[in-house]
């Protein structure tokens, strides 16, 4: 599982002209579920996302989490994060989990964040989405998870 976090001052996702999720200050979480990922991986990722101290404190140091600031998370499924580009010019996505496997893991990820009192908005799984964001910093963090461990 791979999660790309972007600290944002605002973010929104639109599908077929309809805004399916929008947040102000918080995190845009682009989530790629790999073949073989588990709910344990989703729970580990959610814990890391919720607790990661990447928002500024009163001294301007990255010392506060999204929960600390009362922010929200916009979670967007993105299988392309798992692209294999080692061979040829066209990425391979064979390591990405298929929808029946990926959807419950993505749902576990968002539910675990919500269980920590953080509002979660979402895109629409499998849809063509337009994602808008204002990256604050810019701050972008990549979190890789395998076997319930952060790599």
N, C-alpha and C. Protein backbone atom coordinates (compact mmCIF):
# COMPACT_ATOMS: atom_id res chain seq x y z
N UNK A 1 0.87 -1.17 0.00
CA UNK A 1 0.00 0.00 0.00
C UNK A 1 0.90 1.22 0.00
N UNK A 2 0.50 2.17 -0.80
CA UNK A 2 1.26 3.42 -0.87
C UNK A 2 0.29 4.58 -0.70
N UNK A 3 0.65 5.52 0.17
CA UNK A 3 -0.15 6.72 0.38
C UNK A 3 0.75 7.91 0.14
N UNK A 4 0.34 8.78 -0.75
CA UNK A 4 1.04 10.04 -0.98
C UNK A 4 0.20 11.12 -0.31
N UNK A 5 0.81 11.77 0.69
CA UNK A 5 0.13 12.80 1.46
C UNK A 5 0.59 14.17 0.98
N UNK A 6 -0.35 15.05 0.80
CA UNK A 6 -0.02 16.43 0.50
C UNK A 6 -0.73 17.31 1.52
N UNK A 7 0.04 18.14 2.21
CA UNK A 7 -0.54 19.09 3.14
C UNK A 7 -1.18 20.18 2.30
N UNK A 8 -2.47 20.42 2.52
CA UNK A 8 -3.19 21.35 1.66
C UNK A 8 -3.90 22.43 2.46
N UNK A 9 -4.09 23.57 1.80
CA UNK A 9 -4.95 24.60 2.37
C UNK A 9 -6.37 24.44 1.84
N UNK A 10 -6.49 23.67 0.74
CA UNK A 10 -7.79 23.27 0.20
C UNK A 10 -7.58 22.19 -0.84
N UNK A 11 -8.58 21.33 -0.98
CA UNK A 11 -8.54 20.29 -2.01
C UNK A 11 -9.97 19.85 -2.30
N UNK A 12 -10.20 19.43 -3.55
CA UNK A 12 -11.52 18.96 -3.95
C UNK A 12 -11.38 17.94 -5.06
N UNK A 13 -12.33 17.04 -5.13
CA UNK A 13 -12.37 16.06 -6.22
C UNK A 13 -13.75 16.11 -6.86
N UNK A 14 -13.74 16.12 -8.20
CA UNK A 14 -14.97 16.22 -8.97
C UNK A 14 -15.08 15.02 -9.90
N UNK A 15 -16.29 14.45 -9.98
CA UNK A 15 -16.58 13.34 -10.88
C UNK A 15 -17.82 13.73 -11.69
N UNK A 16 -17.70 13.71 -13.00
CA UNK A 16 -18.82 14.05 -13.89
C UNK A 16 -19.50 15.36 -13.49
N UNK A 17 -18.70 16.38 -13.18
CA UNK A 17 -19.23 17.69 -12.84
C UNK A 17 -19.75 17.83 -11.42
N UNK A 18 -19.71 16.75 -10.63
CA UNK A 18 -20.20 16.78 -9.24
C UNK A 18 -19.02 16.70 -8.28
N UNK A 19 -18.97 17.62 -7.32
CA UNK A 19 -17.94 17.57 -6.29
C UNK A 19 -18.30 16.44 -5.33
N UNK A 20 -17.43 15.42 -5.27
CA UNK A 20 -17.70 14.28 -4.39
C UNK A 20 -17.03 14.43 -3.04
N UNK A 21 -16.05 15.31 -2.95
CA UNK A 21 -15.37 15.55 -1.69
C UNK A 21 -14.59 16.84 -1.76
N UNK A 22 -14.59 17.59 -0.66
CA UNK A 22 -13.84 18.84 -0.61
C UNK A 22 -13.46 19.13 0.83
N UNK A 23 -12.25 19.65 1.02
CA UNK A 23 -11.78 20.02 2.36
C UNK A 23 -11.07 21.36 2.29
N UNK A 24 -10.95 21.98 3.44
CA UNK A 24 -10.09 23.14 3.59
C UNK A 24 -8.77 22.61 4.16
N UNK A 25 -8.21 23.20 5.17
CA UNK A 25 -6.92 22.79 5.71
C UNK A 25 -6.93 21.32 6.11
N UNK A 26 -5.92 20.60 5.65
CA UNK A 26 -5.82 19.18 5.98
C UNK A 26 -4.87 18.46 5.07
N UNK A 27 -5.22 17.21 4.76
CA UNK A 27 -4.37 16.35 3.95
C UNK A 27 -5.13 15.78 2.77
N UNK A 28 -4.52 15.84 1.61
CA UNK A 28 -4.97 15.07 0.46
C UNK A 28 -4.19 13.77 0.51
N UNK A 29 -4.90 12.65 0.59
CA UNK A 29 -4.27 11.33 0.66
C UNK A 29 -4.59 10.57 -0.62
N UNK A 30 -3.59 10.43 -1.48
CA UNK A 30 -3.72 9.61 -2.68
C UNK A 30 -3.34 8.20 -2.25
N UNK A 31 -4.25 7.24 -2.43
CA UNK A 31 -4.09 5.91 -1.86
C UNK A 31 -4.04 4.85 -2.96
N UNK A 32 -2.93 4.11 -2.99
CA UNK A 32 -2.79 3.00 -3.91
C UNK A 32 -2.77 1.69 -3.13
N UNK A 33 -3.71 0.81 -3.44
CA UNK A 33 -3.78 -0.50 -2.77
C UNK A 33 -3.16 -1.54 -3.70
N UNK A 34 -2.16 -2.24 -3.18
CA UNK A 34 -1.44 -3.26 -3.96
C UNK A 34 -2.05 -4.63 -3.75
N UNK A 35 -1.85 -5.49 -4.73
CA UNK A 35 -2.24 -6.89 -4.62
C UNK A 35 -1.61 -7.46 -3.36
N UNK A 36 -2.41 -8.11 -2.52
CA UNK A 36 -1.89 -8.71 -1.29
C UNK A 36 -1.95 -7.81 -0.07
N UNK A 37 -2.31 -6.53 -0.25
CA UNK A 37 -2.46 -5.65 0.92
C UNK A 37 -3.61 -6.15 1.78
N UNK A 38 -3.56 -5.80 3.06
CA UNK A 38 -4.54 -6.29 4.02
C UNK A 38 -5.18 -5.12 4.78
N UNK A 39 -6.21 -5.44 5.54
CA UNK A 39 -6.82 -4.46 6.41
C UNK A 39 -5.78 -3.98 7.43
N UNK A 40 -4.90 -4.87 7.87
CA UNK A 40 -3.82 -4.46 8.78
C UNK A 40 -2.95 -3.38 8.18
N UNK A 41 -2.68 -3.47 6.89
CA UNK A 41 -1.91 -2.42 6.21
C UNK A 41 -2.69 -1.11 6.22
N UNK A 42 -4.00 -1.19 5.97
CA UNK A 42 -4.85 0.01 5.97
C UNK A 42 -4.87 0.66 7.35
N UNK A 43 -4.93 -0.15 8.41
CA UNK A 43 -4.95 0.39 9.77
C UNK A 43 -3.62 1.05 10.12
N UNK A 44 -2.52 0.43 9.71
CA UNK A 44 -1.20 1.03 9.96
C UNK A 44 -1.07 2.35 9.20
N UNK A 45 -1.52 2.38 7.96
CA UNK A 45 -1.45 3.61 7.17
C UNK A 45 -2.31 4.70 7.79
N UNK A 46 -3.51 4.36 8.21
CA UNK A 46 -4.41 5.34 8.81
C UNK A 46 -3.81 5.92 10.09
N UNK A 47 -3.21 5.07 10.89
CA UNK A 47 -2.58 5.55 12.12
C UNK A 47 -1.46 6.52 11.83
N UNK A 48 -0.66 6.21 10.83
CA UNK A 48 0.45 7.09 10.46
C UNK A 48 -0.07 8.42 9.91
N UNK A 49 -1.06 8.36 9.03
CA UNK A 49 -1.62 9.57 8.43
C UNK A 49 -2.23 10.47 9.51
N UNK A 50 -3.00 9.89 10.41
CA UNK A 50 -3.68 10.68 11.44
C UNK A 50 -2.71 11.33 12.41
N UNK A 51 -1.60 10.67 12.67
CA UNK A 51 -0.68 11.16 13.71
C UNK A 51 0.55 11.91 13.18
N UNK A 52 0.76 11.89 11.87
CA UNK A 52 1.97 12.51 11.32
C UNK A 52 1.98 14.01 11.60
N UNK A 53 3.06 14.47 12.20
CA UNK A 53 3.18 15.88 12.59
C UNK A 53 3.83 16.68 11.46
N UNK A 54 2.98 17.18 10.57
CA UNK A 54 3.50 17.95 9.43
C UNK A 54 2.83 19.32 9.30
N UNK A 55 2.11 19.73 10.33
CA UNK A 55 1.50 21.06 10.34
C UNK A 55 2.26 21.93 11.33
N UNK A 56 2.37 23.20 11.05
CA UNK A 56 3.19 24.07 11.91
C UNK A 56 2.55 24.36 13.27
N UNK A 57 3.43 24.45 14.27
CA UNK A 57 3.00 24.89 15.60
C UNK A 57 3.15 26.41 15.67
N UNK A 58 3.02 26.99 16.85
CA UNK A 58 3.11 28.44 17.02
C UNK A 58 4.47 29.00 16.61
N UNK A 59 5.51 28.15 16.64
CA UNK A 59 6.85 28.58 16.26
C UNK A 59 7.16 28.29 14.79
N UNK A 60 6.17 27.78 14.06
CA UNK A 60 6.37 27.49 12.64
C UNK A 60 7.06 26.16 12.38
N UNK A 61 7.27 25.35 13.41
CA UNK A 61 7.90 24.03 13.22
C UNK A 61 6.82 23.00 12.94
N UNK A 62 7.14 22.04 12.06
CA UNK A 62 6.19 20.96 11.77
C UNK A 62 6.10 20.08 13.01
N UNK A 63 5.05 20.32 13.81
CA UNK A 63 4.94 19.66 15.10
C UNK A 63 3.51 19.29 15.45
N UNK A 64 2.57 19.49 14.52
CA UNK A 64 1.17 19.19 14.80
C UNK A 64 0.60 18.27 13.73
N UNK A 65 -0.33 17.42 14.15
CA UNK A 65 -0.97 16.48 13.23
C UNK A 65 -2.26 17.09 12.67
N UNK A 66 -2.83 16.41 11.70
CA UNK A 66 -4.11 16.85 11.14
C UNK A 66 -5.18 16.83 12.23
N UNK A 67 -5.11 15.89 13.15
CA UNK A 67 -6.06 15.86 14.27
C UNK A 67 -5.84 17.05 15.19
N UNK A 68 -4.58 17.39 15.46
CA UNK A 68 -4.26 18.51 16.34
C UNK A 68 -4.83 19.83 15.83
N UNK A 69 -4.84 20.01 14.51
CA UNK A 69 -5.29 21.29 13.95
C UNK A 69 -6.79 21.29 13.62
N UNK A 70 -7.45 20.15 13.83
CA UNK A 70 -8.87 20.06 13.48
C UNK A 70 -9.09 20.03 11.99
N UNK A 71 -8.10 19.51 11.25
CA UNK A 71 -8.19 19.43 9.80
C UNK A 71 -8.95 18.21 9.33
N UNK A 72 -9.03 18.04 8.04
CA UNK A 72 -9.74 16.94 7.42
C UNK A 72 -8.82 16.22 6.44
N UNK A 73 -9.27 15.06 5.97
CA UNK A 73 -8.53 14.28 4.98
C UNK A 73 -9.43 14.06 3.77
N UNK A 74 -8.88 14.31 2.59
CA UNK A 74 -9.55 13.97 1.34
C UNK A 74 -8.83 12.75 0.79
N UNK A 75 -9.49 11.59 0.82
CA UNK A 75 -8.89 10.33 0.36
C UNK A 75 -9.32 10.04 -1.07
N UNK A 76 -8.33 9.80 -1.93
CA UNK A 76 -8.58 9.54 -3.34
C UNK A 76 -7.85 8.27 -3.74
N UNK A 77 -8.61 7.26 -4.19
CA UNK A 77 -7.97 6.02 -4.64
C UNK A 77 -7.20 6.31 -5.92
N UNK A 78 -5.99 5.75 -6.01
CA UNK A 78 -5.15 6.01 -7.18
C UNK A 78 -4.23 4.83 -7.44
N UNK A 79 -4.71 3.89 -8.26
CA UNK A 79 -3.92 2.69 -8.55
C UNK A 79 -2.63 3.02 -9.30
N UNK A 80 -2.56 4.18 -9.96
CA UNK A 80 -1.36 4.52 -10.72
C UNK A 80 -0.15 4.76 -9.84
N UNK A 81 -0.36 4.91 -8.52
CA UNK A 81 0.78 5.04 -7.60
C UNK A 81 1.63 3.77 -7.59
N UNK A 82 1.05 2.68 -8.05
CA UNK A 82 1.74 1.38 -8.02
C UNK A 82 2.33 1.02 -9.37
N UNK A 83 2.49 2.01 -10.24
CA UNK A 83 3.02 1.77 -11.58
C UNK A 83 4.44 1.20 -11.54
N UNK A 84 4.68 0.21 -12.37
CA UNK A 84 6.02 -0.34 -12.56
C UNK A 84 6.52 0.24 -13.89
N UNK A 85 7.59 1.03 -13.82
CA UNK A 85 8.10 1.70 -15.01
C UNK A 85 9.50 1.20 -15.39
N UNK A 86 9.88 0.05 -14.85
CA UNK A 86 11.24 -0.46 -15.10
C UNK A 86 11.47 -0.84 -16.56
N UNK A 87 10.44 -1.33 -17.23
CA UNK A 87 10.63 -1.87 -18.56
C UNK A 87 9.72 -1.14 -19.56
N UNK A 88 10.27 -0.76 -20.67
CA UNK A 88 9.47 -0.13 -21.71
C UNK A 88 9.07 1.29 -21.37
N UNK A 89 8.11 1.80 -22.15
CA UNK A 89 7.67 3.18 -21.96
C UNK A 89 6.25 3.28 -21.43
N UNK A 90 5.55 2.14 -21.37
CA UNK A 90 4.19 2.16 -20.84
C UNK A 90 4.20 1.53 -19.45
N UNK A 91 3.70 2.24 -18.45
CA UNK A 91 3.69 1.69 -17.10
C UNK A 91 2.83 0.43 -17.01
N UNK A 92 3.24 -0.46 -16.15
CA UNK A 92 2.46 -1.67 -15.86
C UNK A 92 1.79 -1.48 -14.50
N UNK A 93 0.55 -1.89 -14.41
CA UNK A 93 -0.20 -1.75 -13.16
C UNK A 93 -0.61 -3.09 -12.59
N UNK A 94 0.11 -4.15 -12.95
CA UNK A 94 -0.27 -5.50 -12.52
C UNK A 94 -0.19 -5.69 -11.01
N UNK A 95 0.59 -4.86 -10.31
CA UNK A 95 0.70 -5.02 -8.86
C UNK A 95 -0.44 -4.34 -8.11
N UNK A 96 -1.26 -3.56 -8.80
CA UNK A 96 -2.40 -2.91 -8.15
C UNK A 96 -3.50 -3.93 -7.88
N UNK A 97 -4.11 -3.81 -6.71
CA UNK A 97 -5.20 -4.72 -6.35
C UNK A 97 -6.42 -4.45 -7.24
N UNK A 98 -7.15 -5.50 -7.54
CA UNK A 98 -8.39 -5.38 -8.30
C UNK A 98 -9.48 -4.83 -7.38
N UNK A 99 -10.51 -4.21 -7.93
CA UNK A 99 -11.55 -3.59 -7.11
C UNK A 99 -12.12 -4.45 -5.97
N UNK A 100 -12.45 -5.72 -6.18
CA UNK A 100 -13.02 -6.48 -5.05
C UNK A 100 -12.08 -6.58 -3.84
N UNK A 101 -10.78 -6.53 -4.10
CA UNK A 101 -9.80 -6.57 -3.01
C UNK A 101 -9.50 -5.16 -2.49
N UNK A 102 -9.42 -4.20 -3.39
CA UNK A 102 -8.99 -2.84 -3.02
C UNK A 102 -10.06 -2.05 -2.27
N UNK A 103 -11.31 -2.18 -2.67
CA UNK A 103 -12.37 -1.36 -2.07
C UNK A 103 -12.48 -1.57 -0.57
N UNK A 104 -12.53 -2.81 -0.06
CA UNK A 104 -12.63 -2.97 1.40
C UNK A 104 -11.41 -2.44 2.15
N UNK A 105 -10.25 -2.48 1.54
CA UNK A 105 -9.05 -1.97 2.19
C UNK A 105 -9.09 -0.45 2.24
N UNK A 106 -9.52 0.17 1.16
CA UNK A 106 -9.68 1.63 1.14
C UNK A 106 -10.74 2.05 2.17
N UNK A 107 -11.83 1.30 2.25
CA UNK A 107 -12.87 1.61 3.23
C UNK A 107 -12.35 1.48 4.66
N UNK A 108 -11.53 0.46 4.91
CA UNK A 108 -10.94 0.29 6.25
C UNK A 108 -10.02 1.46 6.58
N UNK A 109 -9.25 1.93 5.59
CA UNK A 109 -8.36 3.07 5.76
C UNK A 109 -9.14 4.31 6.17
N UNK A 110 -10.20 4.64 5.42
CA UNK A 110 -10.96 5.85 5.72
C UNK A 110 -11.72 5.71 7.04
N UNK A 111 -12.26 4.53 7.32
CA UNK A 111 -12.99 4.33 8.58
C UNK A 111 -12.07 4.48 9.78
N UNK A 112 -10.83 4.00 9.65
CA UNK A 112 -9.87 4.11 10.77
C UNK A 112 -9.47 5.56 11.03
N UNK A 113 -9.40 6.36 9.99
CA UNK A 113 -9.12 7.79 10.18
C UNK A 113 -10.31 8.47 10.84
N UNK A 114 -11.51 8.18 10.34
CA UNK A 114 -12.72 8.75 10.94
C UNK A 114 -12.87 8.35 12.41
N UNK A 115 -12.47 7.12 12.74
CA UNK A 115 -12.57 6.64 14.13
C UNK A 115 -11.69 7.47 15.07
N UNK A 116 -10.72 8.18 14.51
CA UNK A 116 -9.85 9.05 15.30
C UNK A 116 -10.41 10.47 15.40
N UNK A 117 -11.64 10.65 14.94
CA UNK A 117 -12.30 11.95 15.04
C UNK A 117 -11.94 12.92 13.93
N UNK A 118 -11.38 12.42 12.85
CA UNK A 118 -10.97 13.26 11.73
C UNK A 118 -12.00 13.10 10.61
N UNK A 119 -12.50 14.21 10.11
CA UNK A 119 -13.47 14.16 8.99
C UNK A 119 -12.75 13.69 7.73
N UNK A 120 -13.39 12.77 7.02
CA UNK A 120 -12.84 12.25 5.77
C UNK A 120 -13.83 12.48 4.65
N UNK A 121 -13.34 13.07 3.57
CA UNK A 121 -14.08 13.19 2.32
C UNK A 121 -13.41 12.25 1.33
N UNK A 122 -14.12 11.90 0.25
CA UNK A 122 -13.55 10.93 -0.69
C UNK A 122 -13.85 11.27 -2.14
N UNK A 123 -13.05 10.67 -2.98
CA UNK A 123 -13.34 10.64 -4.40
C UNK A 123 -14.30 9.49 -4.65
N UNK A 124 -14.36 9.00 -5.89
CA UNK A 124 -15.21 7.86 -6.22
C UNK A 124 -14.34 6.78 -6.85
N UNK A 125 -14.28 5.63 -6.21
CA UNK A 125 -13.42 4.55 -6.65
C UNK A 125 -13.71 4.19 -8.11
N UNK A 126 -12.65 4.10 -8.89
CA UNK A 126 -12.75 3.65 -10.28
C UNK A 126 -13.22 4.70 -11.26
N UNK A 127 -13.59 5.87 -10.78
CA UNK A 127 -14.09 6.93 -11.67
C UNK A 127 -12.93 7.78 -12.19
N UNK A 128 -13.19 8.46 -13.29
CA UNK A 128 -12.25 9.47 -13.76
C UNK A 128 -12.50 10.70 -12.91
N UNK A 129 -11.49 11.09 -12.14
CA UNK A 129 -11.65 12.19 -11.18
C UNK A 129 -10.77 13.36 -11.56
N UNK A 130 -11.28 14.55 -11.28
CA UNK A 130 -10.50 15.77 -11.40
C UNK A 130 -10.18 16.20 -9.97
N UNK A 131 -8.90 16.25 -9.65
CA UNK A 131 -8.47 16.59 -8.29
C UNK A 131 -7.81 17.96 -8.33
N UNK A 132 -8.32 18.87 -7.52
CA UNK A 132 -7.75 20.20 -7.38
C UNK A 132 -7.19 20.33 -5.98
N UNK A 133 -6.04 20.97 -5.87
CA UNK A 133 -5.46 21.17 -4.55
C UNK A 133 -4.56 22.38 -4.53
N UNK A 134 -4.42 22.93 -3.34
CA UNK A 134 -3.41 23.93 -3.09
C UNK A 134 -2.49 23.32 -2.06
N UNK A 135 -1.31 22.88 -2.52
CA UNK A 135 -0.34 22.24 -1.64
C UNK A 135 0.29 23.33 -0.79
N UNK A 136 0.21 23.17 0.52
CA UNK A 136 0.68 24.18 1.46
C UNK A 136 2.10 23.84 1.89
N UNK A 137 3.05 24.60 1.41
CA UNK A 137 4.45 24.38 1.79
C UNK A 137 5.40 24.58 0.63
N UNK A 138 5.47 23.75 -0.34
CA UNK A 138 4.72 22.50 -0.48
C UNK A 138 5.26 21.42 0.46
N UNK A 139 4.34 20.60 0.95
CA UNK A 139 4.70 19.45 1.77
C UNK A 139 4.06 18.23 1.14
N UNK A 140 4.89 17.27 0.72
CA UNK A 140 4.42 16.02 0.14
C UNK A 140 5.24 14.89 0.76
N UNK A 141 4.54 13.90 1.31
CA UNK A 141 5.17 12.77 2.01
C UNK A 141 4.66 11.47 1.40
N UNK A 142 5.56 10.53 1.15
CA UNK A 142 5.18 9.22 0.65
C UNK A 142 5.30 8.21 1.78
N UNK A 143 4.21 7.46 2.01
CA UNK A 143 4.18 6.43 3.04
C UNK A 143 3.94 5.08 2.38
N UNK A 144 4.89 4.16 2.54
CA UNK A 144 4.74 2.80 2.02
C UNK A 144 4.50 1.85 3.18
N UNK A 145 3.53 0.95 3.00
CA UNK A 145 3.15 0.01 4.06
C UNK A 145 3.13 -1.39 3.47
N UNK A 146 3.69 -2.35 4.21
CA UNK A 146 3.63 -3.75 3.80
C UNK A 146 3.65 -4.62 5.05
N UNK A 147 2.79 -5.61 5.07
CA UNK A 147 2.68 -6.50 6.23
C UNK A 147 2.45 -5.74 7.53
N UNK A 148 1.62 -4.69 7.46
CA UNK A 148 1.30 -3.91 8.65
C UNK A 148 2.40 -3.03 9.17
N UNK A 149 3.50 -2.93 8.41
CA UNK A 149 4.65 -2.11 8.83
C UNK A 149 4.85 -0.96 7.88
N UNK A 150 5.23 0.16 8.44
CA UNK A 150 5.59 1.33 7.64
C UNK A 150 7.02 1.10 7.15
N UNK A 151 7.22 1.21 5.85
CA UNK A 151 8.55 0.98 5.28
C UNK A 151 9.35 2.26 5.19
